[in-house]
Amino acid sequence: MTALEHRAEDPVRRPVRIPFPVVDEVARHCLQEAEPETVHIEVHLPGALDPSRLREAFTRALHLHPRILMREAPVPWYGRRYTWELTGNPEIEAITFAPSGPDALREARARALAQAPPLTLSPPIRLEVVPGTGEDDGTVLVLTVNHTALDGPACLRILATAAELYGGRDHSPTAPPVRPPETLPRPPDTPSTWAPPARVAPGSPGAAPGNGLLVTELPLPRRPKGAPYTVNDQLMVATALTVARWNREHGARPRPMRITMPVDDRPRDAGMPIGNGTRLVEVPFSPGELTGAGLPALVRRTARRTRALKSLPRPQLGHGAALLTAPVVPVAWRGAVTRALRRAATPWTSTTLLSNIGRVPYPMDFGEGAGRAHAVWFSAPARMPRGLTFTTASTAGRLHLALRWSRALLGEDDGARLRDLFEHCLHATEEAP
């Protein structure tokens, strides 16, 4: 019996309750029906999957990571905390199989953006299996995550476990780059973060609420061997340049820009903590830096800023959020205060969010028949006032970019224009070897 099989048979002896962490509580306070906080993950496989085997493997994977088998416990009005209750077994069927058809994937994506799995039933995720069409005989797995409970990297770990159980092949994560721990001072050329940042200029929004999505595949940007910056730094600069050019095209006055960047320090192995485990930092840019001149120097400056920000110990949402969620008054009162403060802080919300998963650390190999994933896309919520997020991951030597936007800010043609701008700006960050 393997270690995975042994853990799957461990019984849950009694219900366990876990207080909401800071990230979960703030997200719970600010839920909106018009723009659900979902994370969408899309895994493309070259072959077909057996439904019964996949259902069994995915269910076993949930039991191997019991922290995902949770629901929001009822709380009285005077309760001081929201709590998760571990259920030990799924309460709903978390995996469904979409009917085949030319629009099946488009419709599954739309559901992932518009319909969040409920928090009151365990688990708060949904896996939809979309069969291939006549032009593509492969299979697409669309995983929808309620971001109040979980984040993308944690659910990718669940899916990697399911792939290992289904295909019988080792899914040990690839080793991350070895970087010595360091605490770096704030670079002297870092712009101030006191001024309200730029907003993404409105495009041609439609009448429908919710989020729109565009996914595309790009070549990984080149960089010289031994360069003092990473692909993430190139992506950060490309994101800033894209928004700056978009705003200039739409007549917006140049303003400082801040881009939120999730940082994830968790291990990627089977013991990875499941939940919302990333912390958020904000990378600033001055208007003068985003004119397009001196790009090699800008990439290097950005690398120094991101390294310094990532090295600083900081609560996930900052010290203010930790204080705001202290359980000294009923949680319903804290919710009202949180929503009011969020509305008041709208002018200081960062311009956009870049979530770079990096190289997908698992082979995502479902074995003979289904095969190994050749593309993995993620998309992060794009609720106003940001209204636009960039999410990237790399698989099989290609960069997979998802643009997601609020339909209150942008339309489909706007998404296509932003994709073209991003591709151009990312290419501009490359240096000749």
Protein backbone atom coordinates (compact mmCIF):
# COMPACT_ATOMS: atom_id res chain seq x y z
CA MET A 1 0.00 0.00 0.00
CA THR A 2 1.40 3.40 -0.96
CA ALA A 3 1.54 6.41 1.35
CA LEU A 4 -1.21 8.03 -0.71
CA GLU A 5 -3.49 5.01 -0.33
CA HIS A 6 -2.84 4.82 3.39
CA ARG A 7 -3.77 8.46 3.90
CA ALA A 8 -6.92 8.02 1.83
CA GLU A 9 -8.19 5.36 4.25
CA ASP A 10 -7.66 7.41 7.41
CA PRO A 11 -11.12 8.09 8.87
CA VAL A 12 -12.24 11.52 10.00
CA ARG A 13 -13.10 10.86 13.62
CA ARG A 14 -15.06 13.99 14.47
CA PRO A 15 -16.00 17.31 12.86
CA VAL A 16 -13.25 19.89 13.03
CA ARG A 17 -13.83 23.63 12.85
CA ILE A 18 -11.21 26.09 11.63
CA PRO A 19 -11.60 29.87 12.07
CA PHE A 20 -11.52 31.81 8.81
CA PRO A 21 -8.03 33.16 8.09
CA VAL A 22 -7.74 36.89 7.38
CA VAL A 23 -7.92 36.48 3.58
CA ASP A 24 -11.01 34.29 3.75
CA GLU A 25 -12.85 36.62 6.12
CA VAL A 26 -12.20 39.77 4.07
CA ALA A 27 -13.32 37.96 0.91
CA ARG A 28 -16.43 36.67 2.68
CA HIS A 29 -17.40 40.17 3.80
CA CYS A 30 -17.14 41.55 0.25
CA LEU A 31 -18.98 38.92 -1.79
CA GLN A 32 -20.99 40.20 -4.77
CA GLU A 33 -23.43 38.26 -6.91
CA ALA A 34 -22.73 40.36 -10.02
CA GLU A 35 -19.00 39.54 -10.04
CA PRO A 36 -18.34 36.27 -8.19
CA GLU A 37 -14.88 35.71 -6.72
CA THR A 38 -13.93 32.61 -8.68
CA VAL A 39 -10.60 31.26 -9.83
CA HIS A 40 -10.75 29.42 -13.15
CA ILE A 41 -8.20 26.71 -14.02
CA GLU A 42 -8.17 25.06 -17.43
CA VAL A 43 -6.07 21.98 -18.20
CA HIS A 44 -5.84 20.72 -21.80
CA LEU A 45 -5.05 17.04 -22.37
CA PRO A 46 -4.36 15.40 -25.74
CA GLY A 47 -6.53 12.31 -25.13
CA ALA A 48 -9.79 11.14 -23.59
CA LEU A 49 -10.51 10.29 -19.94
CA ASP A 50 -12.54 7.42 -18.56
CA PRO A 51 -15.37 9.03 -16.52
CA SER A 52 -15.59 6.42 -13.76
CA ARG A 53 -11.83 6.25 -13.27
CA LEU A 54 -11.56 10.04 -13.18
CA ARG A 55 -14.41 10.35 -10.70
CA GLU A 56 -12.76 7.81 -8.42
CA ALA A 57 -9.32 9.44 -8.70
CA PHE A 58 -10.66 12.93 -8.05
CA THR A 59 -12.70 11.82 -5.05
CA ARG A 60 -9.68 10.04 -3.59
CA ALA A 61 -7.60 13.17 -4.17
CA LEU A 62 -10.08 15.19 -2.13
CA HIS A 63 -9.72 12.73 0.75
CA LEU A 64 -5.94 12.93 0.56
CA HIS A 65 -6.17 16.70 1.08
CA PRO A 66 -8.96 16.81 3.72
CA ARG A 67 -8.60 20.57 4.24
CA ILE A 68 -10.50 21.03 0.95
CA LEU A 69 -13.50 19.07 2.26
CA MET A 70 -15.00 22.01 4.10
CA ARG A 71 -18.07 24.17 4.27
CA GLU A 72 -18.94 27.43 5.98
CA ALA A 73 -20.51 26.67 9.36
CA PRO A 74 -23.60 28.67 10.39
CA VAL A 75 -22.78 31.63 12.64
CA PRO A 76 -25.21 33.52 14.89
CA TRP A 77 -25.41 37.29 14.59
CA TYR A 78 -23.31 37.71 17.71
CA GLY A 79 -20.63 35.23 16.59
CA ARG A 80 -17.13 36.65 16.47
CA ARG A 81 -15.76 34.43 13.72
CA TYR A 82 -16.69 32.68 10.55
CA THR A 83 -15.52 29.09 10.70
CA TRP A 84 -14.89 26.30 8.24
CA GLU A 85 -16.25 22.90 9.17
CA LEU A 86 -14.36 19.91 7.79
CA THR A 87 -16.86 17.35 6.56
CA GLY A 88 -14.68 14.31 5.91
CA ASN A 89 -16.63 13.48 2.72
CA PRO A 90 -17.98 15.49 -0.20
CA GLU A 91 -21.57 16.68 0.27
CA ILE A 92 -22.12 17.39 -3.42
CA GLU A 93 -20.90 15.82 -6.63
CA ALA A 94 -17.88 17.97 -7.42
CA ILE A 95 -17.23 16.53 -10.88
CA THR A 96 -19.54 16.83 -13.89
CA PHE A 97 -19.22 15.89 -17.56
CA ALA A 98 -20.30 18.43 -20.15
CA PRO A 99 -22.03 17.26 -23.33
CA SER A 100 -19.90 17.39 -26.44
CA GLY A 101 -20.43 20.28 -28.82
CA PRO A 102 -18.66 23.13 -30.61
CA ASP A 103 -19.58 25.59 -27.83
CA ALA A 104 -18.98 23.27 -24.86
CA LEU A 105 -15.67 24.82 -23.78
CA ARG A 106 -16.90 28.39 -24.22
CA GLU A 107 -19.96 27.61 -22.08
CA ALA A 108 -17.85 25.90 -19.41
CA ARG A 109 -15.61 28.97 -19.23
CA ALA A 110 -18.67 31.19 -18.88
CA ARG A 111 -19.93 29.07 -15.99
CA ALA A 112 -16.51 29.24 -14.30
CA LEU A 113 -16.67 33.03 -14.33
CA ALA A 114 -20.35 33.44 -13.45
CA GLN A 115 -21.23 30.63 -11.02
CA ALA A 116 -19.17 30.22 -7.85
CA PRO A 117 -19.41 26.87 -6.04
CA PRO A 118 -21.42 27.43 -2.83
CA LEU A 119 -19.57 27.89 0.45
CA THR A 120 -22.26 26.05 2.39
CA LEU A 121 -21.62 22.68 0.75
CA SER A 122 -18.36 20.74 0.78
CA PRO A 123 -16.11 21.05 -1.23
CA PRO A 124 -16.23 24.65 -2.59
CA ILE A 125 -14.86 23.63 -6.00
CA ARG A 126 -16.31 22.25 -9.23
CA LEU A 127 -14.52 20.17 -11.89
CA GLU A 128 -16.14 20.10 -15.32
CA VAL A 129 -14.86 17.68 -17.96
CA VAL A 130 -15.28 18.99 -21.51
CA PRO A 131 -14.80 16.43 -24.30
CA GLY A 132 -13.06 17.34 -27.53
CA THR A 133 -14.79 18.23 -30.77
CA GLY A 134 -14.18 16.86 -34.24
CA GLU A 135 -11.22 19.25 -34.68
CA ASP A 136 -9.69 18.42 -31.29
CA ASP A 137 -10.05 14.95 -29.84
CA GLY A 138 -8.51 15.91 -26.51
CA THR A 139 -10.15 16.73 -23.19
CA VAL A 140 -10.30 19.96 -21.21
CA LEU A 141 -10.64 20.00 -17.43
CA VAL A 142 -12.24 23.23 -16.19
CA LEU A 143 -11.83 23.66 -12.44
CA THR A 144 -13.84 26.43 -10.77
CA VAL A 145 -12.72 27.53 -7.31
CA ASN A 146 -14.56 29.71 -4.81
CA HIS A 147 -11.76 32.15 -4.01
CA THR A 148 -13.17 32.87 -0.56
CA ALA A 149 -12.01 29.40 0.42
CA LEU A 150 -9.12 28.42 -1.86
CA ASP A 151 -6.61 29.72 -4.36
CA GLY A 152 -5.35 28.43 -7.69
CA PRO A 153 -2.03 26.84 -6.63
CA ALA A 154 -3.74 24.83 -3.87
CA CYS A 155 -6.35 23.46 -6.27
CA LEU A 156 -3.71 22.67 -8.88
CA ARG A 157 -2.09 20.51 -6.19
CA ILE A 158 -5.42 18.65 -5.81
CA LEU A 159 -5.63 18.12 -9.55
CA ALA A 160 -2.03 16.89 -9.69
CA THR A 161 -2.87 14.30 -7.01
CA ALA A 162 -5.88 13.18 -9.05
CA ALA A 163 -3.67 12.85 -12.12
CA GLU A 164 -1.21 10.71 -10.17
CA LEU A 165 -3.98 8.44 -8.90
CA TYR A 166 -5.58 8.19 -12.35
CA GLY A 167 -2.44 7.60 -14.40
CA GLY A 168 -0.24 5.88 -11.83
CA ARG A 169 2.72 8.14 -12.59
CA ASP A 170 4.80 10.08 -10.11
CA HIS A 171 3.77 13.73 -9.72
CA SER A 172 6.56 14.98 -7.51
CA PRO A 173 6.93 18.69 -8.26
CA THR A 174 9.98 19.95 -10.06
CA ALA A 175 12.46 21.65 -7.77
CA PRO A 176 12.11 25.44 -7.72
CA PRO A 177 15.16 27.59 -8.47
CA VAL A 178 17.53 27.69 -5.51
CA ARG A 179 17.75 31.23 -4.18
CA PRO A 180 19.39 31.98 -0.84
CA PRO A 181 17.17 33.72 1.71
CA GLU A 182 17.78 37.43 1.79
CA THR A 183 16.37 40.60 3.25
CA LEU A 184 16.94 43.43 0.83
CA PRO A 185 16.57 47.15 1.49
CA ARG A 186 14.04 49.15 -0.45
CA PRO A 187 15.80 50.24 -3.66
CA PRO A 188 16.46 54.00 -3.67
CA ASP A 189 14.77 54.44 -7.06
CA THR A 190 11.42 52.99 -5.93
CA PRO A 191 8.54 55.42 -6.62
CA SER A 192 6.41 56.58 -3.72
CA THR A 193 3.17 54.69 -3.06
CA TRP A 194 1.35 57.57 -1.34
CA ALA A 195 -0.36 58.97 -4.45
CA PRO A 196 -3.56 57.30 -5.69
CA PRO A 197 -2.57 55.03 -8.61
CA ALA A 198 -3.82 55.05 -12.17
CA ARG A 199 -7.02 53.25 -13.05
CA VAL A 200 -7.47 51.20 -16.21
CA ALA A 201 -9.23 53.51 -18.67
CA PRO A 202 -12.76 52.37 -19.63
CA GLY A 203 -13.15 50.80 -23.04
CA SER A 204 -16.45 49.73 -24.56
CA PRO A 205 -18.32 47.94 -21.76
CA GLY A 206 -21.51 46.06 -22.49
CA ALA A 207 -24.76 45.83 -20.58
CA ALA A 208 -24.19 42.32 -19.17
CA PRO A 209 -22.68 42.08 -15.68
CA GLY A 210 -19.85 39.78 -14.65
CA ASN A 211 -16.40 39.03 -16.10
CA GLY A 212 -15.11 38.44 -19.61
CA LEU A 213 -12.16 36.20 -20.47
CA LEU A 214 -9.61 35.77 -23.22
CA VAL A 215 -6.88 33.12 -23.22
CA THR A 216 -3.88 32.98 -25.53
CA GLU A 217 -0.60 31.13 -25.94
CA LEU A 218 2.66 33.04 -26.39
CA PRO A 219 6.35 32.13 -26.63
CA LEU A 220 8.29 32.52 -23.40
CA PRO A 221 10.27 35.78 -23.48
CA ARG A 222 13.99 35.41 -24.06
CA ARG A 223 16.56 36.66 -21.60
CA PRO A 224 20.36 36.41 -21.63
CA LYS A 225 21.94 33.61 -19.63
CA GLY A 226 22.72 34.84 -16.12
CA ALA A 227 20.45 37.88 -16.47
CA PRO A 228 19.77 39.60 -13.10
CA TYR A 229 16.02 39.38 -13.65
CA THR A 230 13.41 36.66 -14.12
CA VAL A 231 10.58 36.02 -16.57
CA ASN A 232 8.27 37.29 -13.81
CA ASP A 233 10.04 40.66 -13.94
CA GLN A 234 9.58 40.79 -17.71
CA LEU A 235 5.90 39.97 -17.27
CA MET A 236 5.57 42.71 -14.66
CA VAL A 237 7.11 45.31 -16.96
CA ALA A 238 4.98 44.12 -19.89
CA THR A 239 1.84 44.45 -17.77
CA ALA A 240 2.72 48.00 -16.71
CA LEU A 241 3.56 49.02 -20.28
CA THR A 242 0.35 47.45 -21.60
CA VAL A 243 -1.88 49.40 -19.23
CA ALA A 244 0.13 52.62 -19.79
CA ARG A 245 -0.26 52.34 -23.57
CA TRP A 246 -3.94 51.44 -23.25
CA ASN A 247 -4.54 54.49 -21.06
CA ARG A 248 -2.67 56.77 -23.48
CA GLU A 249 -4.80 55.46 -26.37
CA HIS A 250 -7.91 56.37 -24.36
CA GLY A 251 -6.79 59.85 -23.33
CA ALA A 252 -6.15 59.12 -19.64
CA ARG A 253 -3.75 61.44 -17.83
CA PRO A 254 -0.47 59.70 -16.88
CA ARG A 255 -0.41 58.69 -13.24
CA PRO A 256 1.75 56.45 -11.04
CA MET A 257 0.92 52.80 -11.37
CA ARG A 258 0.84 50.01 -8.80
CA ILE A 259 0.49 46.35 -9.77
CA THR A 260 -0.54 43.75 -7.20
CA MET A 261 1.56 40.58 -7.29
CA PRO A 262 0.71 37.43 -5.29
CA VAL A 263 3.70 35.72 -3.66
CA ASP A 264 3.44 32.06 -2.72
CA ASP A 265 6.06 30.56 -0.40
CA ARG A 266 4.35 27.19 0.15
CA PRO A 267 5.97 23.89 -0.81
CA ARG A 268 4.44 22.19 -3.83
CA ASP A 269 4.60 18.61 -2.59
CA ALA A 270 1.75 16.49 -1.19
CA GLY A 271 2.01 18.30 2.14
CA MET A 272 1.24 21.69 0.63
CA PRO A 273 -1.11 23.68 2.91
CA ILE A 274 -4.51 23.94 1.22
CA GLY A 275 -6.39 27.23 1.34
CA ASN A 276 -5.60 30.83 0.42
CA GLY A 277 -1.86 30.79 0.95
CA THR A 278 -0.50 33.70 -1.07
CA ARG A 279 0.45 37.12 0.26
CA LEU A 280 0.01 40.26 -1.81
CA VAL A 281 2.64 42.89 -2.56
CA GLU A 282 2.35 45.97 -4.77
CA VAL A 283 5.02 46.90 -7.31
CA PRO A 284 5.08 50.65 -8.09
CA PHE A 285 5.97 52.44 -11.33
CA SER A 286 6.28 56.16 -12.02
CA PRO A 287 4.69 57.67 -15.17
CA GLY A 288 8.11 58.57 -16.57
CA GLU A 289 9.25 54.96 -16.46
CA LEU A 290 6.47 53.75 -18.74
CA THR A 291 7.16 55.79 -21.87
CA GLY A 292 8.85 52.83 -23.59
CA ALA A 293 12.38 54.26 -23.41
CA GLY A 294 15.20 52.52 -21.54
CA LEU A 295 13.47 49.15 -21.24
CA PRO A 296 16.54 47.08 -20.23
CA ALA A 297 17.16 49.44 -17.30
CA LEU A 298 13.47 49.34 -16.32
CA VAL A 299 13.44 45.52 -16.26
CA ARG A 300 16.49 45.55 -13.97
CA ARG A 301 14.98 48.16 -11.64
CA THR A 302 11.77 46.15 -11.49
CA ALA A 303 13.77 43.05 -10.57
CA ARG A 304 15.35 44.88 -7.62
CA ARG A 305 11.93 46.09 -6.46
CA THR A 306 10.23 42.71 -6.69
CA ARG A 307 13.11 40.96 -4.89
CA ALA A 308 12.98 43.50 -2.07
CA LEU A 309 9.20 43.25 -1.77
CA LYS A 310 9.21 39.45 -1.73
CA SER A 311 11.93 39.34 0.93
CA LEU A 312 10.01 41.49 3.41
CA PRO A 313 7.97 39.61 6.05
CA ARG A 314 4.40 40.84 5.80
CA PRO A 315 0.90 39.55 6.62
CA GLN A 316 -1.05 38.28 3.63
CA LEU A 317 -3.17 41.42 3.22
CA GLY A 318 -1.06 43.76 5.32
CA HIS A 319 -1.20 44.79 8.96
CA GLY A 320 -4.43 46.76 8.55
CA ALA A 321 -6.41 43.71 7.45
CA ALA A 322 -5.06 41.66 10.35
CA LEU A 323 -6.26 44.33 12.77
CA LEU A 324 -9.63 44.66 11.02
CA THR A 325 -10.37 40.95 11.39
CA ALA A 326 -9.44 40.66 15.06
CA PRO A 327 -12.37 38.83 16.76
CA VAL A 328 -13.20 41.51 19.35
CA VAL A 329 -16.70 42.37 18.05
CA PRO A 330 -19.32 40.28 16.19
CA VAL A 331 -18.22 39.27 12.72
CA ALA A 332 -21.32 40.88 11.16
CA TRP A 333 -20.23 44.27 12.55
CA ARG A 334 -16.72 43.78 11.21
CA GLY A 335 -18.24 42.95 7.83
CA ALA A 336 -20.07 46.28 7.66
CA VAL A 337 -16.89 48.15 8.59
CA THR A 338 -14.82 46.19 6.07
CA ARG A 339 -17.21 46.97 3.22
CA ALA A 340 -17.30 50.65 4.13
CA LEU A 341 -13.51 50.87 4.30
CA ARG A 342 -13.16 49.03 1.00
CA ARG A 343 -15.42 51.56 -0.71
CA ALA A 344 -13.51 54.44 0.88
CA ALA A 345 -10.16 52.96 -0.23
CA THR A 346 -11.23 52.59 -3.87
CA PRO A 347 -9.01 55.47 -5.11
CA TRP A 348 -5.96 53.75 -3.54
CA THR A 349 -6.68 50.28 -4.94
CA SER A 350 -3.86 49.05 -7.18
CA THR A 351 -4.15 49.55 -10.94
CA THR A 352 -4.28 45.87 -11.87
CA LEU A 353 -3.12 42.43 -10.76
CA LEU A 354 -0.49 40.17 -12.33
CA SER A 355 -0.59 36.61 -11.00
CA ASN A 356 2.27 34.60 -12.47
CA ILE A 357 2.04 30.93 -11.51
CA GLY A 358 5.35 30.36 -13.29
CA ARG A 359 6.28 26.99 -14.68
CA VAL A 360 3.57 24.52 -13.70
CA PRO A 361 5.49 22.35 -11.23
CA TYR A 362 3.63 19.09 -11.92
CA PRO A 363 3.69 16.97 -15.07
CA MET A 364 -0.13 16.73 -15.02
CA ASP A 365 0.21 13.36 -16.73
CA PHE A 366 -2.97 11.26 -16.71
CA GLY A 367 -1.21 8.29 -18.22
CA GLU A 368 -1.91 6.19 -21.28
CA GLY A 369 -4.89 7.36 -23.26
CA ALA A 370 -5.35 10.80 -21.75
CA GLY A 371 -1.73 11.91 -21.83
CA ARG A 372 0.14 14.85 -20.39
CA ALA A 373 -1.19 18.41 -20.23
CA HIS A 374 0.09 20.63 -23.03
CA ALA A 375 -1.58 23.84 -21.79
CA VAL A 376 -2.72 25.13 -18.39
CA TRP A 377 -4.54 28.43 -18.00
CA PHE A 378 -5.57 30.23 -14.81
CA SER A 379 -7.63 33.37 -14.40
CA ALA A 380 -8.01 35.50 -11.29
CA PRO A 381 -11.15 37.50 -10.39
CA ALA A 382 -11.40 40.91 -12.07
CA ARG A 383 -13.89 42.79 -9.96
CA MET A 384 -14.08 46.57 -9.97
CA PRO A 385 -12.38 48.92 -9.13
CA ARG A 386 -9.39 47.14 -10.71
CA GLY A 387 -11.54 45.56 -13.39
CA LEU A 388 -8.64 43.80 -15.16
CA THR A 389 -6.27 40.97 -14.21
CA PHE A 390 -3.41 39.24 -16.01
CA THR A 391 -2.68 35.60 -15.09
CA THR A 392 0.18 33.60 -16.58
CA ALA A 393 1.59 30.09 -16.37
CA SER A 394 4.06 28.16 -18.50
CA THR A 395 3.70 24.57 -19.70
CA ALA A 396 5.69 22.67 -22.33
CA GLY A 397 7.88 25.69 -22.98
CA ARG A 398 4.97 28.04 -23.79
CA LEU A 399 3.46 30.95 -21.90
CA HIS A 400 -0.29 30.72 -21.28
CA LEU A 401 -1.87 34.11 -20.64
CA ALA A 402 -5.41 34.73 -19.42
CA LEU A 403 -6.87 38.23 -19.55
CA ARG A 404 -9.95 38.64 -17.40
CA TRP A 405 -11.93 41.84 -17.08
CA SER A 406 -15.06 43.32 -15.58
CA ARG A 407 -17.73 43.87 -18.22
CA ALA A 408 -18.54 47.12 -16.41
CA LEU A 409 -15.14 48.39 -17.65
CA LEU A 410 -14.22 46.59 -20.88
CA GLY A 411 -15.74 44.66 -23.79
CA GLU A 412 -14.64 41.74 -25.96
CA ASP A 413 -12.84 43.93 -28.52
CA ASP A 414 -11.02 45.68 -25.67
CA GLY A 415 -9.74 42.33 -24.42
CA ALA A 416 -8.35 41.51 -27.87
CA ARG A 417 -6.59 44.88 -28.05
CA LEU A 418 -5.06 44.42 -24.60
CA ARG A 419 -3.83 40.96 -25.63
CA ASP A 420 -2.10 42.44 -28.67
CA LEU A 421 -0.55 45.20 -26.58
CA PHE A 422 0.70 42.70 -24.01
CA GLU A 423 2.28 40.49 -26.67
CA HIS A 424 4.06 43.50 -28.17
CA CYS A 425 5.24 44.82 -24.80
CA LEU A 426 6.45 41.41 -23.62
CA HIS A 427 8.50 41.01 -26.79
CA ALA A 428 9.97 44.48 -26.19
CA THR A 429 11.40 43.36 -22.83
CA GLU A 430 13.62 40.78 -24.51
CA GLU A 431 17.32 41.42 -24.87
CA ALA A 432 19.45 39.94 -27.60
CA PRO A 433 21.56 37.10 -26.24
